Protein backbone atom coordinates (compact mmCIF):
# COMPACT_ATOMS: atom_id res chain seq x y z
CA UNK A 1 0.00 0.00 0.00
CA UNK A 2 1.33 3.40 -0.92
CA UNK A 3 -0.59 5.91 1.20
CA UNK A 4 0.70 8.80 -0.91
CA UNK A 5 -1.06 7.40 -3.97
CA UNK A 6 -4.44 7.07 -2.28
CA UNK A 7 -7.28 9.59 -2.48
CA UNK A 8 -8.92 11.17 0.53
CA UNK A 9 -12.09 9.15 -0.08
CA UNK A 10 -10.17 5.87 -0.39
CA UNK A 11 -8.31 6.63 2.85
CA UNK A 12 -11.54 7.39 4.69
CA UNK A 13 -13.09 4.17 3.36
CA UNK A 14 -10.14 2.12 4.62
CA UNK A 15 -10.31 3.68 8.08
CA UNK A 16 -13.92 2.49 8.44
CA UNK A 17 -12.53 -1.01 9.08
CA UNK A 18 -11.00 0.09 12.38
CA UNK A 19 -12.73 -0.27 15.72
CA UNK A 20 -13.38 2.95 17.65
CA UNK A 21 -10.54 2.08 20.05
CA UNK A 22 -8.11 1.38 17.20
CA UNK A 23 -9.05 4.72 15.62
CA UNK A 24 -8.56 6.50 18.94
CA UNK A 25 -5.11 4.98 19.48
CA UNK A 26 -4.04 5.61 15.89
CA UNK A 27 -5.15 9.24 16.23
CA UNK A 28 -3.04 9.64 19.37
CA UNK A 29 -0.04 8.04 17.63
CA UNK A 30 -0.58 10.44 14.71
CA UNK A 31 -0.58 13.34 17.19
CA UNK A 32 2.88 12.29 18.30
CA UNK A 33 2.14 10.55 21.59
CA UNK A 34 4.30 7.60 22.52
CA UNK A 35 2.79 4.23 23.34
CA UNK A 36 3.72 4.79 26.98
CA UNK A 37 1.93 8.15 27.05
CA UNK A 38 -1.13 6.55 25.46
CA UNK A 39 -1.22 3.88 28.17
CA UNK A 40 -1.48 6.60 30.80
CA UNK A 41 -4.13 8.58 28.95
CA UNK A 42 -6.38 5.60 28.26
CA UNK A 43 -5.57 3.56 31.40
CA UNK A 44 -4.65 0.47 29.40
CA UNK A 45 -1.49 -1.64 29.36
CA UNK A 46 1.44 -1.13 27.03
CA UNK A 47 0.84 -4.51 25.42
CA UNK A 48 -2.79 -3.57 24.74
CA UNK A 49 -1.68 -0.45 22.88
CA UNK A 50 0.76 -2.52 20.82
CA UNK A 51 -1.95 -5.09 20.09
CA UNK A 52 -4.40 -2.41 18.92
CA UNK A 53 -1.74 -0.88 16.64
CA UNK A 54 -0.86 -4.33 15.28
CA UNK A 55 -4.53 -5.17 14.61
CA UNK A 56 -5.11 -1.81 12.93
CA UNK A 57 -2.05 -2.37 10.73
CA UNK A 58 -3.45 -5.76 9.70
CA UNK A 59 -6.92 -4.37 8.96
CA UNK A 60 -5.50 -1.52 6.89
CA UNK A 61 -2.96 -3.77 5.17
CA UNK A 62 -0.24 -1.31 6.13
CA UNK A 63 3.41 -2.32 6.38
CA UNK A 64 4.33 0.27 9.00
CA UNK A 65 2.73 2.49 11.60
CA UNK A 66 3.90 5.48 9.58
CA UNK A 67 1.80 4.31 6.63
CA UNK A 68 -1.24 4.19 8.91
CA UNK A 69 -0.55 7.70 10.20
CA UNK A 70 -0.21 9.02 6.63
CA UNK A 71 -3.44 7.23 5.72
CA UNK A 72 -5.23 8.90 8.64
CA UNK A 73 -3.83 12.30 7.72
CA UNK A 74 -4.82 11.77 4.08
CA UNK A 75 -8.41 11.04 5.09
CA UNK A 76 -8.85 14.40 6.83
CA UNK A 77 -10.38 17.32 4.92
C-alpha atoms as a PDB file:
ATOM      1  CA  UNK A   1       0.000   0.000   0.000  1.00  0.00           C
ATOM      2  CA  UNK A   2       1.331   3.395  -0.924  1.00  0.00           C
ATOM      3  CA  UNK A   3      -0.586   5.914   1.198  1.00  0.00           C
ATOM      4  CA  UNK A   4       0.702   8.798  -0.908  1.00  0.00           C
ATOM      5  CA  UNK A   5      -1.060   7.400  -3.975  1.00  0.00           C
ATOM      6  CA  UNK A   6      -4.440   7.071  -2.280  1.00  0.00           C
ATOM      7  CA  UNK A   7      -7.277   9.594  -2.477  1.00  0.00           C
ATOM      8  CA  UNK A   8      -8.923  11.173   0.534  1.00  0.00           C
ATOM      9  CA  UNK A   9     -12.086   9.154  -0.079  1.00  0.00           C
ATOM     10  CA  UNK A  10     -10.173   5.867  -0.394  1.00  0.00           C
ATOM     11  CA  UNK A  11      -8.309   6.627   2.847  1.00  0.00           C
ATOM     12  CA  UNK A  12     -11.544   7.386   4.689  1.00  0.00           C
ATOM     13  CA  UNK A  13     -13.093   4.166   3.356  1.00  0.00           C
ATOM     14  CA  UNK A  14     -10.137   2.120   4.617  1.00  0.00           C
ATOM     15  CA  UNK A  15     -10.313   3.684   8.076  1.00  0.00           C
ATOM     16  CA  UNK A  16     -13.921   2.494   8.440  1.00  0.00           C
ATOM     17  CA  UNK A  17     -12.533  -1.010   9.075  1.00  0.00           C
ATOM     18  CA  UNK A  18     -11.004   0.087  12.380  1.00  0.00           C
ATOM     19  CA  UNK A  19     -12.732  -0.266  15.721  1.00  0.00           C
ATOM     20  CA  UNK A  20     -13.381   2.950  17.652  1.00  0.00           C
ATOM     21  CA  UNK A  21     -10.538   2.078  20.047  1.00  0.00           C
ATOM     22  CA  UNK A  22      -8.107   1.377  17.200  1.00  0.00           C
ATOM     23  CA  UNK A  23      -9.046   4.722  15.624  1.00  0.00           C
ATOM     24  CA  UNK A  24      -8.557   6.502  18.939  1.00  0.00           C
ATOM     25  CA  UNK A  25      -5.115   4.985  19.483  1.00  0.00           C
ATOM     26  CA  UNK A  26      -4.042   5.615  15.893  1.00  0.00           C
ATOM     27  CA  UNK A  27      -5.150   9.238  16.226  1.00  0.00           C
ATOM     28  CA  UNK A  28      -3.041   9.635  19.368  1.00  0.00           C
ATOM     29  CA  UNK A  29      -0.039   8.042  17.626  1.00  0.00           C
ATOM     30  CA  UNK A  30      -0.577  10.439  14.708  1.00  0.00           C
ATOM     31  CA  UNK A  31      -0.583  13.343  17.186  1.00  0.00           C
ATOM     32  CA  UNK A  32       2.877  12.290  18.302  1.00  0.00           C
ATOM     33  CA  UNK A  33       2.138  10.552  21.588  1.00  0.00           C
ATOM     34  CA  UNK A  34       4.302   7.599  22.516  1.00  0.00           C
ATOM     35  CA  UNK A  35       2.787   4.234  23.340  1.00  0.00           C
ATOM     36  CA  UNK A  36       3.723   4.791  26.981  1.00  0.00           C
ATOM     37  CA  UNK A  37       1.928   8.153  27.046  1.00  0.00           C
ATOM     38  CA  UNK A  38      -1.132   6.553  25.462  1.00  0.00           C
ATOM     39  CA  UNK A  39      -1.221   3.878  28.172  1.00  0.00           C
ATOM     40  CA  UNK A  40      -1.475   6.602  30.803  1.00  0.00           C
ATOM     41  CA  UNK A  41      -4.135   8.585  28.948  1.00  0.00           C
ATOM     42  CA  UNK A  42      -6.377   5.600  28.258  1.00  0.00           C
ATOM     43  CA  UNK A  43      -5.571   3.557  31.395  1.00  0.00           C
ATOM     44  CA  UNK A  44      -4.646   0.467  29.398  1.00  0.00           C
ATOM     45  CA  UNK A  45      -1.495  -1.640  29.355  1.00  0.00           C
ATOM     46  CA  UNK A  46       1.438  -1.125  27.028  1.00  0.00           C
ATOM     47  CA  UNK A  47       0.841  -4.514  25.424  1.00  0.00           C
ATOM     48  CA  UNK A  48      -2.787  -3.567  24.744  1.00  0.00           C
ATOM     49  CA  UNK A  49      -1.678  -0.449  22.876  1.00  0.00           C
ATOM     50  CA  UNK A  50       0.761  -2.517  20.822  1.00  0.00           C
ATOM     51  CA  UNK A  51      -1.954  -5.089  20.089  1.00  0.00           C
ATOM     52  CA  UNK A  52      -4.397  -2.405  18.918  1.00  0.00           C
ATOM     53  CA  UNK A  53      -1.744  -0.885  16.643  1.00  0.00           C
ATOM     54  CA  UNK A  54      -0.858  -4.332  15.276  1.00  0.00           C
ATOM     55  CA  UNK A  55      -4.525  -5.173  14.609  1.00  0.00           C
ATOM     56  CA  UNK A  56      -5.106  -1.807  12.933  1.00  0.00           C
ATOM     57  CA  UNK A  57      -2.048  -2.374  10.729  1.00  0.00           C
ATOM     58  CA  UNK A  58      -3.450  -5.765   9.704  1.00  0.00           C
ATOM     59  CA  UNK A  59      -6.922  -4.365   8.960  1.00  0.00           C
ATOM     60  CA  UNK A  60      -5.500  -1.523   6.889  1.00  0.00           C
ATOM     61  CA  UNK A  61      -2.959  -3.769   5.170  1.00  0.00           C
ATOM     62  CA  UNK A  62      -0.237  -1.314   6.128  1.00  0.00           C
ATOM     63  CA  UNK A  63       3.407  -2.319   6.381  1.00  0.00           C
ATOM     64  CA  UNK A  64       4.334   0.272   8.997  1.00  0.00           C
ATOM     65  CA  UNK A  65       2.732   2.494  11.602  1.00  0.00           C
ATOM     66  CA  UNK A  66       3.897   5.480   9.582  1.00  0.00           C
ATOM     67  CA  UNK A  67       1.798   4.309   6.634  1.00  0.00           C
ATOM     68  CA  UNK A  68      -1.239   4.194   8.911  1.00  0.00           C
ATOM     69  CA  UNK A  69      -0.545   7.700  10.196  1.00  0.00           C
ATOM     70  CA  UNK A  70      -0.212   9.016   6.634  1.00  0.00           C
ATOM     71  CA  UNK A  71      -3.443   7.234   5.718  1.00  0.00           C
ATOM     72  CA  UNK A  72      -5.226   8.897   8.638  1.00  0.00           C
ATOM     73  CA  UNK A  73      -3.826  12.301   7.715  1.00  0.00           C
ATOM     74  CA  UNK A  74      -4.820  11.770   4.078  1.00  0.00           C
ATOM     75  CA  UNK A  75      -8.414  11.040   5.088  1.00  0.00           C
ATOM     76  CA  UNK A  76      -8.848  14.398   6.834  1.00  0.00           C
ATOM     77  CA  UNK A  77     -10.380  17.321   4.917  1.00  0.00           C
END
